[in-house]
Amino acid sequence: VSVLSIPALILLSRHTERVGNELNSQALLSQSADFKVDIYSSFLVIIGVSASTLGHPIIEGLIGSIISLLVIKMGLTLSWQALLVLMDAVVNPDRIMKIKEIIENVRGVREASKIRIRRSGPFCLGEVTIGVDQRLSVEHAHRISEEVENRVKKEIPTVESLI
């Protein structure tokens, strides 16, 4: 059974990881990581059973320990990633620089500062302070802020809201 499950798990892992990256879904990326541990575990089970059949039962126990360590490592890694999301961990600094660049290229924006972006599931939510010419009317400044939000959301589809 382990021999037959490995190719299926490889395909599932690759597909799930690809879709997880496309959708920026932590749940799918976690599932992909789980499939990878299942692949390694299945491979190790084959080795352990073969070694035991050939008269080396100690290898089976050793492999059981290795599988336990793999599962523990995966659990800790996934828990850490989930904790970062729950704590509104900072988004990739390159993404923040890209957002700043987009904002500063909007006509009427003099500066962009205090950019705070956090993840919420597959989406990002953000806050930014923009500087405009102080002689502009509130209505015109508001139109600029709407253009900033629209431009960022258009160029970075994972940004759901920008205030």
N, C-alpha and C. Protein backbone atom coordinates (compact mmCIF):
# COMPACT_ATOMS: atom_id res chain seq x y z
N VAL A 1 0.83 -1.19 0.00
CA VAL A 1 0.00 0.00 0.00
C VAL A 1 0.87 1.26 0.00
N SER A 2 1.94 1.24 0.80
CA SER A 2 2.83 2.41 0.85
C SER A 2 3.45 2.69 -0.51
N VAL A 3 3.82 1.63 -1.23
CA VAL A 3 4.44 1.79 -2.55
C VAL A 3 3.46 2.47 -3.51
N LEU A 4 2.20 2.08 -3.43
CA LEU A 4 1.20 2.66 -4.33
C LEU A 4 0.81 4.09 -3.94
N SER A 5 0.92 4.40 -2.66
CA SER A 5 0.48 5.73 -2.22
C SER A 5 1.49 6.83 -2.54
N ILE A 6 2.75 6.48 -2.68
CA ILE A 6 3.78 7.51 -2.90
C ILE A 6 3.54 8.33 -4.16
N PRO A 7 3.32 7.71 -5.34
CA PRO A 7 3.09 8.54 -6.54
C PRO A 7 1.84 9.44 -6.41
N ALA A 8 0.78 8.89 -5.81
CA ALA A 8 -0.43 9.69 -5.64
C ALA A 8 -0.18 10.87 -4.71
N LEU A 9 0.56 10.62 -3.64
CA LEU A 9 0.86 11.70 -2.69
C LEU A 9 1.76 12.77 -3.31
N ILE A 10 2.69 12.35 -4.17
CA ILE A 10 3.55 13.33 -4.85
C ILE A 10 2.70 14.25 -5.73
N LEU A 11 1.78 13.66 -6.50
CA LEU A 11 0.91 14.47 -7.35
C LEU A 11 0.03 15.40 -6.52
N LEU A 12 -0.56 14.87 -5.46
CA LEU A 12 -1.41 15.69 -4.59
C LEU A 12 -0.63 16.83 -3.95
N SER A 13 0.57 16.53 -3.50
CA SER A 13 1.40 17.54 -2.84
C SER A 13 1.74 18.67 -3.80
N ARG A 14 2.18 18.32 -5.00
CA ARG A 14 2.55 19.35 -5.98
C ARG A 14 1.35 20.21 -6.37
N HIS A 15 0.22 19.54 -6.63
CA HIS A 15 -0.98 20.28 -7.03
C HIS A 15 -1.46 21.20 -5.90
N THR A 16 -1.51 20.66 -4.69
CA THR A 16 -1.98 21.44 -3.55
C THR A 16 -1.06 22.63 -3.29
N GLU A 17 0.24 22.41 -3.41
CA GLU A 17 1.19 23.51 -3.20
C GLU A 17 1.03 24.59 -4.27
N ARG A 18 0.86 24.18 -5.52
CA ARG A 18 0.69 25.15 -6.61
C ARG A 18 -0.57 26.00 -6.38
N VAL A 19 -1.68 25.33 -6.07
CA VAL A 19 -2.93 26.06 -5.84
C VAL A 19 -2.82 26.93 -4.58
N GLY A 20 -2.16 26.41 -3.54
CA GLY A 20 -1.96 27.18 -2.32
C GLY A 20 -1.18 28.45 -2.56
N ASN A 21 -0.15 28.36 -3.42
CA ASN A 21 0.63 29.56 -3.76
C ASN A 21 -0.18 30.53 -4.60
N GLU A 22 -0.97 30.00 -5.54
CA GLU A 22 -1.80 30.87 -6.38
C GLU A 22 -2.83 31.63 -5.56
N LEU A 23 -3.44 30.93 -4.59
CA LEU A 23 -4.50 31.54 -3.78
C LEU A 23 -3.97 32.17 -2.50
N ASN A 24 -2.66 32.03 -2.27
CA ASN A 24 -2.04 32.52 -1.04
C ASN A 24 -2.77 31.96 0.18
N SER A 25 -3.03 30.63 0.13
CA SER A 25 -3.79 29.96 1.18
C SER A 25 -2.88 29.16 2.10
N GLN A 26 -2.80 29.61 3.35
CA GLN A 26 -1.98 28.91 4.33
C GLN A 26 -2.51 27.50 4.58
N ALA A 27 -3.82 27.32 4.53
CA ALA A 27 -4.41 26.00 4.76
C ALA A 27 -3.96 25.01 3.69
N LEU A 28 -3.98 25.42 2.42
CA LEU A 28 -3.55 24.53 1.34
C LEU A 28 -2.05 24.26 1.40
N LEU A 29 -1.26 25.26 1.74
CA LEU A 29 0.18 25.06 1.86
C LEU A 29 0.49 24.11 3.02
N SER A 30 -0.28 24.19 4.09
CA SER A 30 -0.11 23.27 5.21
C SER A 30 -0.48 21.85 4.79
N GLN A 31 -1.54 21.72 4.02
CA GLN A 31 -1.94 20.40 3.54
C GLN A 31 -0.87 19.81 2.63
N SER A 32 -0.27 20.64 1.80
CA SER A 32 0.82 20.18 0.94
C SER A 32 2.00 19.68 1.76
N ALA A 33 2.33 20.41 2.82
CA ALA A 33 3.43 19.99 3.70
C ALA A 33 3.08 18.66 4.37
N ASP A 34 1.82 18.48 4.73
CA ASP A 34 1.38 17.22 5.33
C ASP A 34 1.54 16.07 4.34
N PHE A 35 1.19 16.31 3.08
CA PHE A 35 1.38 15.28 2.06
C PHE A 35 2.85 14.90 1.92
N LYS A 36 3.73 15.91 2.00
CA LYS A 36 5.17 15.63 1.88
C LYS A 36 5.66 14.75 3.02
N VAL A 37 5.19 15.02 4.23
CA VAL A 37 5.56 14.17 5.36
C VAL A 37 5.03 12.76 5.14
N ASP A 38 3.82 12.64 4.58
CA ASP A 38 3.27 11.32 4.28
C ASP A 38 4.13 10.58 3.25
N ILE A 39 4.67 11.31 2.28
CA ILE A 39 5.54 10.70 1.27
C ILE A 39 6.79 10.14 1.94
N TYR A 40 7.45 10.97 2.75
CA TYR A 40 8.66 10.52 3.44
C TYR A 40 8.34 9.36 4.38
N SER A 41 7.23 9.45 5.07
CA SER A 41 6.84 8.39 6.00
C SER A 41 6.60 7.08 5.26
N SER A 42 5.89 7.15 4.14
CA SER A 42 5.62 5.93 3.36
C SER A 42 6.91 5.30 2.88
N PHE A 43 7.82 6.13 2.40
CA PHE A 43 9.11 5.63 1.93
C PHE A 43 9.88 4.97 3.08
N LEU A 44 9.87 5.62 4.23
CA LEU A 44 10.57 5.06 5.39
C LEU A 44 9.91 3.78 5.89
N VAL A 45 8.59 3.70 5.81
CA VAL A 45 7.88 2.47 6.21
C VAL A 45 8.32 1.31 5.32
N ILE A 46 8.44 1.57 4.03
CA ILE A 46 8.90 0.52 3.10
C ILE A 46 10.28 0.03 3.52
N ILE A 47 11.17 0.95 3.82
CA ILE A 47 12.52 0.57 4.24
C ILE A 47 12.48 -0.20 5.56
N GLY A 48 11.68 0.27 6.52
CA GLY A 48 11.59 -0.38 7.83
C GLY A 48 11.04 -1.79 7.75
N VAL A 49 9.97 -1.96 7.00
CA VAL A 49 9.37 -3.30 6.85
C VAL A 49 10.33 -4.22 6.12
N SER A 50 10.98 -3.71 5.09
CA SER A 50 11.96 -4.53 4.34
C SER A 50 13.11 -4.95 5.25
N ALA A 51 13.62 -4.02 6.03
CA ALA A 51 14.74 -4.33 6.93
C ALA A 51 14.31 -5.36 7.98
N SER A 52 13.11 -5.21 8.51
CA SER A 52 12.61 -6.15 9.50
C SER A 52 12.44 -7.54 8.90
N THR A 53 11.93 -7.59 7.67
CA THR A 53 11.76 -8.87 6.97
C THR A 53 13.10 -9.54 6.73
N LEU A 54 14.12 -8.75 6.49
CA LEU A 54 15.46 -9.29 6.23
C LEU A 54 16.24 -9.58 7.52
N GLY A 55 15.58 -9.44 8.66
CA GLY A 55 16.21 -9.81 9.92
C GLY A 55 16.89 -8.68 10.66
N HIS A 56 16.52 -7.44 10.38
CA HIS A 56 17.10 -6.28 11.07
C HIS A 56 15.99 -5.47 11.74
N PRO A 57 15.36 -6.01 12.79
CA PRO A 57 14.20 -5.34 13.40
C PRO A 57 14.55 -4.01 14.08
N ILE A 58 15.79 -3.81 14.45
CA ILE A 58 16.16 -2.55 15.11
C ILE A 58 15.98 -1.34 14.18
N ILE A 59 16.15 -1.59 12.88
CA ILE A 59 15.99 -0.50 11.90
C ILE A 59 14.54 -0.02 11.88
N GLU A 60 13.60 -0.94 12.08
CA GLU A 60 12.19 -0.56 12.08
C GLU A 60 11.90 0.43 13.22
N GLY A 61 12.46 0.18 14.39
CA GLY A 61 12.28 1.10 15.52
C GLY A 61 12.94 2.45 15.26
N LEU A 62 14.11 2.41 14.65
CA LEU A 62 14.82 3.64 14.31
C LEU A 62 14.01 4.48 13.32
N ILE A 63 13.44 3.81 12.35
CA ILE A 63 12.64 4.51 11.34
C ILE A 63 11.37 5.08 11.97
N GLY A 64 10.78 4.36 12.91
CA GLY A 64 9.63 4.88 13.63
C GLY A 64 9.97 6.17 14.36
N SER A 65 11.17 6.23 14.93
CA SER A 65 11.62 7.45 15.61
C SER A 65 11.81 8.59 14.62
N ILE A 66 12.38 8.28 13.47
CA ILE A 66 12.58 9.31 12.43
C ILE A 66 11.23 9.87 11.98
N ILE A 67 10.26 8.98 11.77
CA ILE A 67 8.92 9.43 11.35
C ILE A 67 8.31 10.33 12.43
N SER A 68 8.48 9.95 13.69
CA SER A 68 7.96 10.78 14.79
C SER A 68 8.58 12.17 14.75
N LEU A 69 9.89 12.24 14.52
CA LEU A 69 10.56 13.54 14.45
C LEU A 69 10.05 14.38 13.27
N LEU A 70 9.80 13.72 12.13
CA LEU A 70 9.25 14.44 10.97
C LEU A 70 7.89 15.05 11.31
N VAL A 71 7.05 14.26 11.95
CA VAL A 71 5.71 14.73 12.30
C VAL A 71 5.79 15.88 13.31
N ILE A 72 6.66 15.75 14.30
CA ILE A 72 6.83 16.82 15.29
C ILE A 72 7.33 18.10 14.63
N LYS A 73 8.33 17.97 13.74
CA LYS A 73 8.87 19.15 13.04
C LYS A 73 7.79 19.84 12.22
N MET A 74 7.00 19.03 11.48
CA MET A 74 5.94 19.61 10.68
C MET A 74 4.92 20.32 11.57
N GLY A 75 4.55 19.71 12.67
CA GLY A 75 3.59 20.32 13.59
C GLY A 75 4.09 21.65 14.13
N LEU A 76 5.35 21.70 14.52
CA LEU A 76 5.92 22.94 15.04
C LEU A 76 5.98 24.03 13.96
N THR A 77 6.40 23.64 12.76
CA THR A 77 6.49 24.60 11.65
C THR A 77 5.12 25.18 11.32
N LEU A 78 4.12 24.31 11.18
CA LEU A 78 2.77 24.78 10.83
C LEU A 78 2.17 25.61 11.96
N SER A 79 2.44 25.23 13.19
CA SER A 79 1.94 26.00 14.34
C SER A 79 2.55 27.40 14.35
N TRP A 80 3.85 27.48 14.07
CA TRP A 80 4.53 28.78 14.04
C TRP A 80 3.94 29.67 12.94
N GLN A 81 3.72 29.09 11.76
CA GLN A 81 3.16 29.88 10.66
C GLN A 81 1.75 30.36 10.99
N ALA A 82 0.95 29.50 11.60
CA ALA A 82 -0.41 29.89 11.99
C ALA A 82 -0.37 30.98 13.05
N LEU A 83 0.55 30.87 13.98
CA LEU A 83 0.70 31.87 15.04
C LEU A 83 1.06 33.24 14.45
N LEU A 84 1.95 33.25 13.46
CA LEU A 84 2.32 34.51 12.82
C LEU A 84 1.11 35.18 12.17
N VAL A 85 0.26 34.38 11.52
CA VAL A 85 -0.93 34.93 10.89
C VAL A 85 -1.88 35.48 11.96
N LEU A 86 -2.06 34.74 13.04
CA LEU A 86 -2.96 35.19 14.11
C LEU A 86 -2.47 36.45 14.79
N MET A 87 -1.16 36.64 14.82
CA MET A 87 -0.58 37.82 15.47
C MET A 87 -0.41 38.98 14.50
N ASP A 88 -1.02 38.89 13.31
CA ASP A 88 -0.89 39.94 12.30
C ASP A 88 0.57 40.23 11.98
N ALA A 89 1.33 39.17 11.75
CA ALA A 89 2.74 39.33 11.44
C ALA A 89 2.90 40.19 10.19
N VAL A 90 4.00 40.87 10.13
CA VAL A 90 4.28 41.78 9.02
C VAL A 90 4.41 40.99 7.71
N VAL A 91 3.89 41.59 6.66
CA VAL A 91 3.98 41.02 5.33
C VAL A 91 5.40 41.23 4.81
N ASN A 92 5.79 40.46 3.84
CA ASN A 92 7.10 40.54 3.21
C ASN A 92 7.50 42.01 2.95
N PRO A 93 8.68 42.43 3.40
CA PRO A 93 9.12 43.82 3.20
C PRO A 93 9.18 44.23 1.73
N ASP A 94 9.47 43.28 0.83
CA ASP A 94 9.48 43.60 -0.60
C ASP A 94 8.08 44.01 -1.07
N ARG A 95 7.06 43.35 -0.53
CA ARG A 95 5.68 43.68 -0.89
C ARG A 95 5.35 45.09 -0.41
N ILE A 96 5.81 45.46 0.78
CA ILE A 96 5.56 46.80 1.31
C ILE A 96 6.25 47.85 0.44
N MET A 97 7.47 47.58 0.00
CA MET A 97 8.18 48.52 -0.87
C MET A 97 7.46 48.66 -2.21
N LYS A 98 6.92 47.56 -2.74
CA LYS A 98 6.17 47.61 -3.99
C LYS A 98 4.92 48.47 -3.82
N ILE A 99 4.23 48.30 -2.70
CA ILE A 99 3.03 49.11 -2.43
C ILE A 99 3.40 50.58 -2.32
N LYS A 100 4.49 50.89 -1.64
CA LYS A 100 4.96 52.28 -1.51
C LYS A 100 5.24 52.88 -2.89
N GLU A 101 5.89 52.09 -3.73
CA GLU A 101 6.21 52.55 -5.09
C GLU A 101 4.94 52.83 -5.88
N ILE A 102 3.96 51.93 -5.79
CA ILE A 102 2.69 52.13 -6.50
C ILE A 102 2.02 53.42 -6.03
N ILE A 103 1.97 53.60 -4.71
CA ILE A 103 1.30 54.77 -4.13
C ILE A 103 1.98 56.06 -4.57
N GLU A 104 3.31 56.08 -4.52
CA GLU A 104 4.03 57.31 -4.86
C GLU A 104 3.96 57.64 -6.34
N ASN A 105 3.52 56.70 -7.17
CA ASN A 105 3.35 56.96 -8.60
C ASN A 105 1.94 57.43 -8.94
N VAL A 106 1.08 57.54 -7.94
CA VAL A 106 -0.27 58.07 -8.18
C VAL A 106 -0.17 59.59 -8.24
N ARG A 107 -0.76 60.16 -9.27
CA ARG A 107 -0.72 61.62 -9.46
C ARG A 107 -1.35 62.32 -8.26
N GLY A 108 -0.61 63.27 -7.69
CA GLY A 108 -1.11 64.04 -6.55
C GLY A 108 -0.53 63.58 -5.22
N VAL A 109 0.08 62.41 -5.19
CA VAL A 109 0.67 61.92 -3.94
C VAL A 109 2.09 62.46 -3.83
N ARG A 110 2.38 63.11 -2.73
CA ARG A 110 3.73 63.64 -2.50
C ARG A 110 4.59 62.64 -1.74
N GLU A 111 3.96 61.89 -0.83
CA GLU A 111 4.72 60.89 -0.07
C GLU A 111 3.77 59.83 0.48
N ALA A 112 4.33 58.68 0.78
CA ALA A 112 3.60 57.60 1.43
C ALA A 112 4.42 57.17 2.64
N SER A 113 3.77 57.13 3.80
CA SER A 113 4.50 56.75 5.02
C SER A 113 3.59 55.92 5.92
N LYS A 114 4.17 55.41 6.98
CA LYS A 114 3.44 54.60 7.96
C LYS A 114 2.64 53.50 7.29
N ILE A 115 3.28 52.77 6.38
CA ILE A 115 2.60 51.69 5.67
C ILE A 115 2.59 50.46 6.57
N ARG A 116 1.38 50.00 6.89
CA ARG A 116 1.22 48.79 7.71
C ARG A 116 0.33 47.82 6.95
N ILE A 117 0.87 46.65 6.66
CA ILE A 117 0.12 45.63 5.93
C ILE A 117 0.12 44.37 6.79
N ARG A 118 -1.04 43.73 6.90
CA ARG A 118 -1.11 42.47 7.63
C ARG A 118 -1.95 41.48 6.84
N ARG A 119 -1.70 40.22 7.10
CA ARG A 119 -2.44 39.17 6.40
C ARG A 119 -3.71 38.82 7.16
N SER A 120 -4.71 38.48 6.40
CA SER A 120 -5.97 37.98 6.95
C SER A 120 -6.41 36.86 6.03
N GLY A 121 -5.99 35.64 6.36
CA GLY A 121 -6.23 34.52 5.46
C GLY A 121 -5.42 34.72 4.20
N PRO A 122 -6.05 34.56 3.05
CA PRO A 122 -5.30 34.72 1.80
C PRO A 122 -5.15 36.18 1.36
N PHE A 123 -5.74 37.10 2.10
CA PHE A 123 -5.73 38.51 1.71
C PHE A 123 -4.84 39.35 2.61
N CYS A 124 -4.57 40.57 2.15
CA CYS A 124 -3.82 41.54 2.95
C CYS A 124 -4.71 42.75 3.19
N LEU A 125 -4.59 43.29 4.39
CA LEU A 125 -5.30 44.51 4.76
C LEU A 125 -4.25 45.53 5.13
N GLY A 126 -4.48 46.79 4.79
CA GLY A 126 -3.43 47.75 5.06
C GLY A 126 -3.90 49.13 5.44
N GLU A 127 -2.96 49.86 5.99
CA GLU A 127 -3.15 51.26 6.35
C GLU A 127 -1.94 52.02 5.85
N VAL A 128 -2.17 53.22 5.37
CA VAL A 128 -1.06 54.04 4.89
C VAL A 128 -1.42 55.51 5.09
N THR A 129 -0.42 56.31 5.36
CA THR A 129 -0.60 57.76 5.43
C THR A 129 0.00 58.34 4.16
N ILE A 130 -0.83 59.09 3.42
CA ILE A 130 -0.32 59.71 2.20
C ILE A 130 -0.28 61.22 2.39
N GLY A 131 0.73 61.82 1.80
CA GLY A 131 0.86 63.27 1.83
C GLY A 131 0.46 63.84 0.48
N VAL A 132 -0.36 64.89 0.51
CA VAL A 132 -0.77 65.57 -0.71
C VAL A 132 -0.55 67.07 -0.51
N ASP A 133 -0.67 67.82 -1.57
CA ASP A 133 -0.53 69.28 -1.49
C ASP A 133 -1.58 69.82 -0.51
N GLN A 134 -1.14 70.60 0.45
CA GLN A 134 -2.04 71.10 1.50
C GLN A 134 -3.09 72.07 0.96
N ARG A 135 -2.90 72.58 -0.24
CA ARG A 135 -3.87 73.52 -0.81
C ARG A 135 -5.05 72.81 -1.48
N LEU A 136 -4.98 71.48 -1.58
CA LEU A 136 -6.07 70.74 -2.21
C LEU A 136 -7.31 70.74 -1.32
N SER A 137 -8.46 70.69 -1.96
CA SER A 137 -9.70 70.57 -1.18
C SER A 137 -9.76 69.15 -0.59
N VAL A 138 -10.56 69.01 0.44
CA VAL A 138 -10.73 67.69 1.07
C VAL A 138 -11.28 66.71 0.04
N GLU A 139 -12.20 67.19 -0.79
CA GLU A 139 -12.81 66.33 -1.81
C GLU A 139 -11.75 65.81 -2.79
N HIS A 140 -10.87 66.69 -3.24
CA HIS A 140 -9.82 66.29 -4.18
C HIS A 140 -8.83 65.33 -3.51
N ALA A 141 -8.46 65.62 -2.27
CA ALA A 141 -7.55 64.74 -1.53
C ALA A 141 -8.19 63.36 -1.35
N HIS A 142 -9.49 63.34 -1.11
CA HIS A 142 -10.19 62.06 -0.95
C HIS A 142 -10.18 61.26 -2.26
N ARG A 143 -10.36 61.95 -3.38
CA ARG A 143 -10.31 61.27 -4.69
C ARG A 143 -8.93 60.65 -4.91
N ILE A 144 -7.89 61.36 -4.49
CA ILE A 144 -6.52 60.82 -4.61
C ILE A 144 -6.39 59.57 -3.75
N SER A 145 -6.93 59.61 -2.54
CA SER A 145 -6.83 58.43 -1.66
C SER A 145 -7.59 57.24 -2.25
N GLU A 146 -8.73 57.51 -2.90
CA GLU A 146 -9.46 56.42 -3.55
C GLU A 146 -8.66 55.85 -4.72
N GLU A 147 -8.00 56.73 -5.47
CA GLU A 147 -7.16 56.27 -6.59
C GLU A 147 -6.00 55.43 -6.07
N VAL A 148 -5.43 55.83 -4.93
CA VAL A 148 -4.34 55.05 -4.32
C VAL A 148 -4.84 53.64 -4.02
N GLU A 149 -5.98 53.54 -3.35
CA GLU A 149 -6.51 52.21 -3.00
C GLU A 149 -6.81 51.39 -4.25
N ASN A 150 -7.46 52.01 -5.23
CA ASN A 150 -7.79 51.28 -6.46
C ASN A 150 -6.55 50.79 -7.19
N ARG A 151 -5.53 51.62 -7.28
CA ARG A 151 -4.31 51.26 -7.99
C ARG A 151 -3.59 50.11 -7.29
N VAL A 152 -3.48 50.19 -5.96
CA VAL A 152 -2.81 49.13 -5.21
C VAL A 152 -3.58 47.82 -5.37
N LYS A 153 -4.90 47.87 -5.23
CA LYS A 153 -5.71 46.65 -5.34
C LYS A 153 -5.64 46.06 -6.74
N LYS A 154 -5.51 46.93 -7.75
CA LYS A 154 -5.42 46.44 -9.13
C LYS A 154 -4.08 45.76 -9.38
N GLU A 155 -3.00 46.34 -8.89
CA GLU A 155 -1.67 45.80 -9.15
C GLU A 155 -1.28 44.66 -8.22
N ILE A 156 -1.88 44.62 -7.04
CA ILE A 156 -1.62 43.53 -6.09
C ILE A 156 -2.97 42.98 -5.65
N PRO A 157 -3.49 41.99 -6.40
CA PRO A 157 -4.85 41.48 -6.15
C PRO A 157 -5.10 40.93 -4.75
N THR A 158 -4.06 40.53 -4.04
CA THR A 158 -4.28 40.00 -2.69
C THR A 158 -4.58 41.09 -1.67
N VAL A 159 -4.39 42.36 -2.05
CA VAL A 159 -4.74 43.46 -1.14
C VAL A 159 -6.25 43.65 -1.22
N GLU A 160 -6.91 43.38 -0.11
CA GLU A 160 -8.37 43.46 -0.04
C GLU A 160 -8.84 44.86 0.34
N SER A 161 -8.09 45.52 1.22
CA SER A 161 -8.51 46.83 1.71
C SER A 161 -7.27 47.66 2.06
N LEU A 162 -7.36 48.93 1.75
CA LEU A 162 -6.27 49.86 2.08
C LEU A 162 -6.91 51.15 2.56
N ILE A 163 -6.61 51.52 3.79
CA ILE A 163 -7.21 52.72 4.38
C ILE A 163 -6.14 53.78 4.51
